[in-house]
Amino acid sequence: EHRVTFEVVERGSRHPLAGVALRVGAFRATTNEMGRAHVDVPGGTYDVHAWKLGYDLLSATASVAADETLRLEIASTREPEQPYWM
């Protein structure tokens, strides 16, 4: 197994994001208050998904062959220019 450390920051401000849900193949983790999370996985190629309410979904592919750190930047969701009124 290899330890993959994720550092998740907000695009633009580069502030760490807590509470980001991560999925790496079948493995899951959530970032702490420093925007970090760890996942132990066997070597291989994985689909990586990161999401948090108020931010765009991030999808990427990661090849894991050793312990490593991946930095992810997530953009905040834009408000619609013309919100729908009920």
C-alpha atoms as a PDB file:
ATOM      1  CA  GLU A   1       0.000   0.000   0.000  1.00  0.00           C
ATOM      2  CA  HIS A   2       0.962   3.598  -0.597  1.00  0.00           C
ATOM      3  CA  ARG A   3      -0.078   6.657   1.381  1.00  0.00           C
ATOM      4  CA  VAL A   4      -1.508   9.441  -0.759  1.00  0.00           C
ATOM      5  CA  THR A   5      -1.774  12.767   1.032  1.00  0.00           C
ATOM      6  CA  PHE A   6      -4.190  15.306  -0.413  1.00  0.00           C
ATOM      7  CA  GLU A   7      -3.851  19.044   0.146  1.00  0.00           C
ATOM      8  CA  VAL A   8      -7.057  20.767  -0.984  1.00  0.00           C
ATOM      9  CA  VAL A   9      -7.157  24.543  -1.419  1.00  0.00           C
ATOM     10  CA  GLU A  10      -9.583  27.072  -2.829  1.00  0.00           C
ATOM     11  CA  ARG A  11      -8.673  28.197  -6.335  1.00  0.00           C
ATOM     12  CA  GLY A  12      -7.581  31.835  -6.319  1.00  0.00           C
ATOM     13  CA  SER A  13      -7.207  32.429  -2.570  1.00  0.00           C
ATOM     14  CA  ARG A  14      -5.270  29.177  -2.014  1.00  0.00           C
ATOM     15  CA  HIS A  15      -6.837  28.866   1.464  1.00  0.00           C
ATOM     16  CA  PRO A  16      -7.056  25.286   2.806  1.00  0.00           C
ATOM     17  CA  LEU A  17     -10.540  23.780   2.561  1.00  0.00           C
ATOM     18  CA  ALA A  18     -11.886  21.669   5.413  1.00  0.00           C
ATOM     19  CA  GLY A  19     -14.736  19.203   4.932  1.00  0.00           C
ATOM     20  CA  VAL A  20     -13.985  18.321   1.304  1.00  0.00           C
ATOM     21  CA  ALA A  21     -15.162  14.784   0.510  1.00  0.00           C
ATOM     22  CA  LEU A  22     -12.607  12.801  -1.491  1.00  0.00           C
ATOM     23  CA  ARG A  23     -13.087   9.546  -3.354  1.00  0.00           C
ATOM     24  CA  VAL A  24     -10.071   7.712  -4.743  1.00  0.00           C
ATOM     25  CA  GLY A  25     -11.418   4.681  -6.552  1.00  0.00           C
ATOM     26  CA  ALA A  26     -13.318   2.804  -3.804  1.00  0.00           C
ATOM     27  CA  PHE A  27     -11.477   4.631  -0.994  1.00  0.00           C
ATOM     28  CA  ARG A  28     -12.880   7.704   0.776  1.00  0.00           C
ATOM     29  CA  ALA A  29     -11.627  10.472   3.048  1.00  0.00           C
ATOM     30  CA  THR A  30     -12.561  13.979   4.215  1.00  0.00           C
ATOM     31  CA  THR A  31     -10.140  16.892   4.607  1.00  0.00           C
ATOM     32  CA  ASN A  32      -9.354  18.220   8.075  1.00  0.00           C
ATOM     33  CA  GLU A  33      -9.201  21.898   9.138  1.00  0.00           C
ATOM     34  CA  MET A  34      -5.827  22.218   7.363  1.00  0.00           C
ATOM     35  CA  GLY A  35      -7.309  20.957   4.082  1.00  0.00           C
ATOM     36  CA  ARG A  36      -5.433  17.647   4.326  1.00  0.00           C
ATOM     37  CA  ALA A  37      -6.531  14.035   4.075  1.00  0.00           C
ATOM     38  CA  HIS A  38      -4.728  10.686   3.730  1.00  0.00           C
ATOM     39  CA  VAL A  39      -5.729   7.583   1.821  1.00  0.00           C
ATOM     40  CA  ASP A  40      -3.811   4.300   1.827  1.00  0.00           C
ATOM     41  CA  VAL A  41      -4.201   2.549  -1.538  1.00  0.00           C
ATOM     42  CA  PRO A  42      -2.488  -0.204  -3.519  1.00  0.00           C
ATOM     43  CA  GLY A  43      -0.454   0.961  -6.509  1.00  0.00           C
ATOM     44  CA  GLY A  44      -2.482   1.688  -9.623  1.00  0.00           C
ATOM     45  CA  THR A  45      -4.431   4.323 -11.501  1.00  0.00           C
ATOM     46  CA  TYR A  46      -7.448   5.876  -9.785  1.00  0.00           C
ATOM     47  CA  ASP A  47     -10.261   8.251 -10.597  1.00  0.00           C
ATOM     48  CA  VAL A  48     -10.151  11.030  -7.987  1.00  0.00           C
ATOM     49  CA  HIS A  49     -13.243  13.076  -7.125  1.00  0.00           C
ATOM     50  CA  ALA A  50     -13.416  15.975  -4.676  1.00  0.00           C
ATOM     51  CA  TRP A  51     -16.557  17.852  -3.716  1.00  0.00           C
ATOM     52  CA  LYS A  52     -17.899  20.289  -1.154  1.00  0.00           C
ATOM     53  CA  LEU A  53     -21.144  22.257  -1.048  1.00  0.00           C
ATOM     54  CA  GLY A  54     -20.583  25.661  -2.676  1.00  0.00           C
ATOM     55  CA  TYR A  55     -17.695  24.420  -4.833  1.00  0.00           C
ATOM     56  CA  ASP A  56     -17.415  22.824  -8.268  1.00  0.00           C
ATOM     57  CA  LEU A  57     -16.902  19.064  -8.454  1.00  0.00           C
ATOM     58  CA  LEU A  58     -13.292  18.217  -9.258  1.00  0.00           C
ATOM     59  CA  SER A  59     -12.489  15.030 -11.176  1.00  0.00           C
ATOM     60  CA  ALA A  60      -8.997  13.868 -12.084  1.00  0.00           C
ATOM     61  CA  THR A  61      -6.932  10.740 -12.616  1.00  0.00           C
ATOM     62  CA  ALA A  62      -3.970   9.821 -10.428  1.00  0.00           C
ATOM     63  CA  SER A  63      -1.353   7.118 -10.949  1.00  0.00           C
ATOM     64  CA  VAL A  64      -0.001   5.880  -7.622  1.00  0.00           C
ATOM     65  CA  ALA A  65       3.303   3.994  -7.515  1.00  0.00           C
ATOM     66  CA  ALA A  66       4.716   5.325  -4.224  1.00  0.00           C
ATOM     67  CA  ASP A  67       3.814   7.513  -1.259  1.00  0.00           C
ATOM     68  CA  GLU A  68       3.035  10.984  -2.584  1.00  0.00           C
ATOM     69  CA  THR A  69       1.267  14.280  -1.985  1.00  0.00           C
ATOM     70  CA  LEU A  70      -1.312  15.635  -4.428  1.00  0.00           C
ATOM     71  CA  ARG A  71      -2.460  19.259  -4.325  1.00  0.00           C
ATOM     72  CA  LEU A  72      -5.994  19.933  -5.547  1.00  0.00           C
ATOM     73  CA  GLU A  73      -7.464  23.366  -6.264  1.00  0.00           C
ATOM     74  CA  ILE A  74     -11.249  23.636  -6.152  1.00  0.00           C
ATOM     75  CA  ALA A  75     -13.164  26.602  -7.576  1.00  0.00           C
ATOM     76  CA  SER A  76     -16.125  28.066  -5.752  1.00  0.00           C
ATOM     77  CA  THR A  77     -19.462  27.730  -7.529  1.00  0.00           C
ATOM     78  CA  ARG A  78     -20.562  30.894  -9.275  1.00  0.00           C
ATOM     79  CA  GLU A  79     -23.964  32.342  -8.526  1.00  0.00           C
ATOM     80  CA  PRO A  80     -26.239  32.318 -11.586  1.00  0.00           C
ATOM     81  CA  GLU A  81     -26.393  35.701 -13.324  1.00  0.00           C
ATOM     82  CA  GLN A  82     -30.191  35.627 -13.320  1.00  0.00           C
ATOM     83  CA  PRO A  83     -31.423  33.613 -10.368  1.00  0.00           C
ATOM     84  CA  TYR A  84     -34.724  31.869 -10.762  1.00  0.00           C
ATOM     85  CA  TRP A  85     -37.557  33.330  -8.726  1.00  0.00           C
ATOM     86  CA  MET A  86     -40.517  31.311  -7.613  1.00  0.00           C
END
